[in-house]
């Protein structure tokens, strides 16, 4: 829902105040398609496979959140890095509390939240061209 709202704000209404609607409907469709595919893969493949063996949850959470960091700088305007970061947060929250894995899960959650925060701020308040 967050990504859909941000992509609509960015690509349909326009976050730079251009006054035209839709601003870029093609990019909105592509962004939503890629975000839905990423969300489907994470929610229907990665999370169920991880629930079977929760000992892998912290490592997978850190991988997802870590993957979202460079992607948010390269393709953050498409929204799917925020979906990947959300998957890292979910897997971090699902992680069992084992002594060696607590920090890894907490790091994945914090990293995912930072990516989400950066994505929301960057989309809501785009940089202005001088």
Protein backbone atom coordinates (compact mmCIF):
# COMPACT_ATOMS: atom_id res chain seq x y z
CA UNK A 1 0.00 0.00 0.00
CA UNK A 2 2.81 2.39 0.86
CA UNK A 3 4.60 1.76 -2.43
CA UNK A 4 1.37 2.05 -4.43
CA UNK A 5 0.63 5.41 -2.81
CA UNK A 6 4.16 6.69 -3.35
CA UNK A 7 4.20 5.57 -6.99
CA UNK A 8 0.81 7.18 -7.61
CA UNK A 9 2.02 10.39 -5.99
CA UNK A 10 5.25 10.38 -7.98
CA UNK A 11 4.10 9.17 -11.40
CA UNK A 12 0.42 10.11 -11.63
CA UNK A 13 -0.16 13.29 -9.62
CA UNK A 14 3.38 14.51 -9.82
CA UNK A 15 5.37 15.44 -6.77
CA UNK A 16 6.96 18.44 -8.45
CA UNK A 17 3.75 20.40 -9.03
CA UNK A 18 3.68 20.26 -12.83
CA UNK A 19 -0.13 20.51 -12.89
CA UNK A 20 -0.76 17.82 -15.50
CA UNK A 21 -2.44 14.47 -14.82
CA UNK A 22 -1.18 11.78 -15.32
CA UNK A 23 2.43 12.85 -15.28
CA UNK A 24 3.92 9.53 -16.41
CA UNK A 25 1.37 6.73 -16.52
CA UNK A 26 3.72 4.31 -18.30
CA UNK A 27 6.29 4.50 -15.55
CA UNK A 28 3.55 4.02 -12.96
CA UNK A 29 2.42 0.80 -14.64
CA UNK A 30 6.00 -0.50 -14.90
CA UNK A 31 6.79 0.47 -11.30
CA UNK A 32 3.68 -1.22 -9.98
CA UNK A 33 4.29 -4.36 -12.05
CA UNK A 34 7.87 -4.71 -10.82
CA UNK A 35 6.81 -3.98 -7.23
CA UNK A 36 4.00 -6.55 -7.40
CA UNK A 37 6.35 -9.20 -8.79
CA UNK A 38 8.90 -8.50 -6.03
CA UNK A 39 6.18 -8.54 -3.39
CA UNK A 40 4.79 -11.79 -4.73
CA UNK A 41 8.19 -13.47 -4.76
CA UNK A 42 8.96 -12.32 -1.24
CA UNK A 43 5.55 -13.11 0.26
CA UNK A 44 4.79 -16.33 -1.61
CA UNK A 45 8.26 -17.85 -1.99
CA UNK A 46 10.87 -16.42 0.38
CA UNK A 47 8.77 -15.99 3.54
CA UNK A 48 7.02 -19.41 3.38
CA UNK A 49 10.34 -21.17 2.74
CA UNK A 50 11.89 -19.30 5.63
CA UNK A 51 9.03 -20.14 8.00
CA UNK A 52 9.80 -23.83 7.45
CA UNK A 53 13.32 -23.28 8.82
CA UNK A 54 13.37 -20.16 11.00
CA UNK A 55 17.08 -20.52 11.68
CA UNK A 56 17.66 -19.01 8.22
CA UNK A 57 15.42 -15.99 8.86
CA UNK A 58 18.05 -13.53 10.20
CA UNK A 59 20.47 -14.18 7.35
CA UNK A 60 17.76 -13.88 4.69
CA UNK A 61 16.42 -10.74 6.36
CA UNK A 62 19.86 -9.16 6.25
CA UNK A 63 20.27 -10.17 2.61
CA UNK A 64 16.98 -8.55 1.62
CA UNK A 65 17.58 -5.36 3.59
CA UNK A 66 21.17 -5.20 2.36
CA UNK A 67 20.07 -5.67 -1.25
CA UNK A 68 17.56 -2.85 -0.87
CA UNK A 69 20.25 -0.32 0.12
CA UNK A 70 22.05 0.02 -3.26
CA UNK A 71 18.80 -0.53 -5.15
CA UNK A 72 17.10 2.43 -3.46
CA UNK A 73 19.82 4.73 -4.83
CA UNK A 74 19.74 3.23 -8.33
CA UNK A 75 16.02 2.50 -8.79
CA UNK A 76 14.27 4.00 -5.80
CA UNK A 77 11.92 5.93 -8.08
CA UNK A 78 10.41 2.58 -9.16
CA UNK A 79 9.41 1.60 -5.63
CA UNK A 80 10.48 -2.05 -5.63
CA UNK A 81 13.49 -1.49 -3.32
CA UNK A 82 10.99 -0.46 -0.65
CA UNK A 83 9.17 -3.76 -1.13
CA UNK A 84 12.45 -5.65 -0.76
CA UNK A 85 13.27 -3.68 2.40
CA UNK A 86 9.81 -4.54 3.75
CA UNK A 87 10.59 -8.21 3.19
CA UNK A 88 13.78 -7.81 5.19
CA UNK A 89 11.85 -6.20 8.02
CA UNK A 90 9.26 -9.01 8.04
CA UNK A 91 11.91 -11.74 8.09
CA UNK A 92 13.80 -9.88 10.80
CA UNK A 93 10.66 -9.79 12.92
CA UNK A 94 10.07 -13.51 12.28
CA UNK A 95 13.57 -14.42 13.44
CA UNK A 96 13.74 -16.52 16.57
CA UNK A 97 15.56 -14.98 19.48
CA UNK A 98 18.78 -16.93 19.49
CA UNK A 99 21.89 -15.35 21.01
CA UNK A 100 24.00 -15.11 17.86
CA UNK A 101 21.20 -14.10 15.54
CA UNK A 102 19.55 -11.27 17.46
CA UNK A 103 21.96 -8.65 16.18
CA UNK A 104 21.65 -9.84 12.60
CA UNK A 105 17.84 -9.65 12.75
CA UNK A 106 17.94 -6.26 14.47
CA UNK A 107 20.39 -4.97 11.86
CA UNK A 108 18.09 -6.15 9.06
CA UNK A 109 15.11 -4.42 10.65
CA UNK A 110 16.98 -1.15 11.18
CA UNK A 111 18.46 -1.22 7.68
CA UNK A 112 15.05 -1.94 6.17
CA UNK A 113 13.47 0.91 8.12
CA UNK A 114 16.20 3.29 6.95
CA UNK A 115 15.57 2.30 3.33
CA UNK A 116 11.82 2.79 3.78
CA UNK A 117 12.34 6.16 5.42
CA UNK A 118 14.73 7.33 2.72
CA UNK A 119 12.37 6.13 -0.01
CA UNK A 120 9.38 7.94 1.46
CA UNK A 121 11.27 11.19 1.99
CA UNK A 122 12.95 11.07 -1.43
CA UNK A 123 9.62 10.48 -3.17
CA UNK A 124 7.60 12.98 -1.16
CA UNK A 125 10.22 15.72 -1.34
CA UNK A 126 12.16 15.33 -4.58
CA UNK A 127 15.31 17.36 -5.15
CA UNK A 128 14.76 20.53 -7.12
CA UNK A 129 16.75 21.29 -10.26
CA UNK A 130 18.54 24.62 -10.20
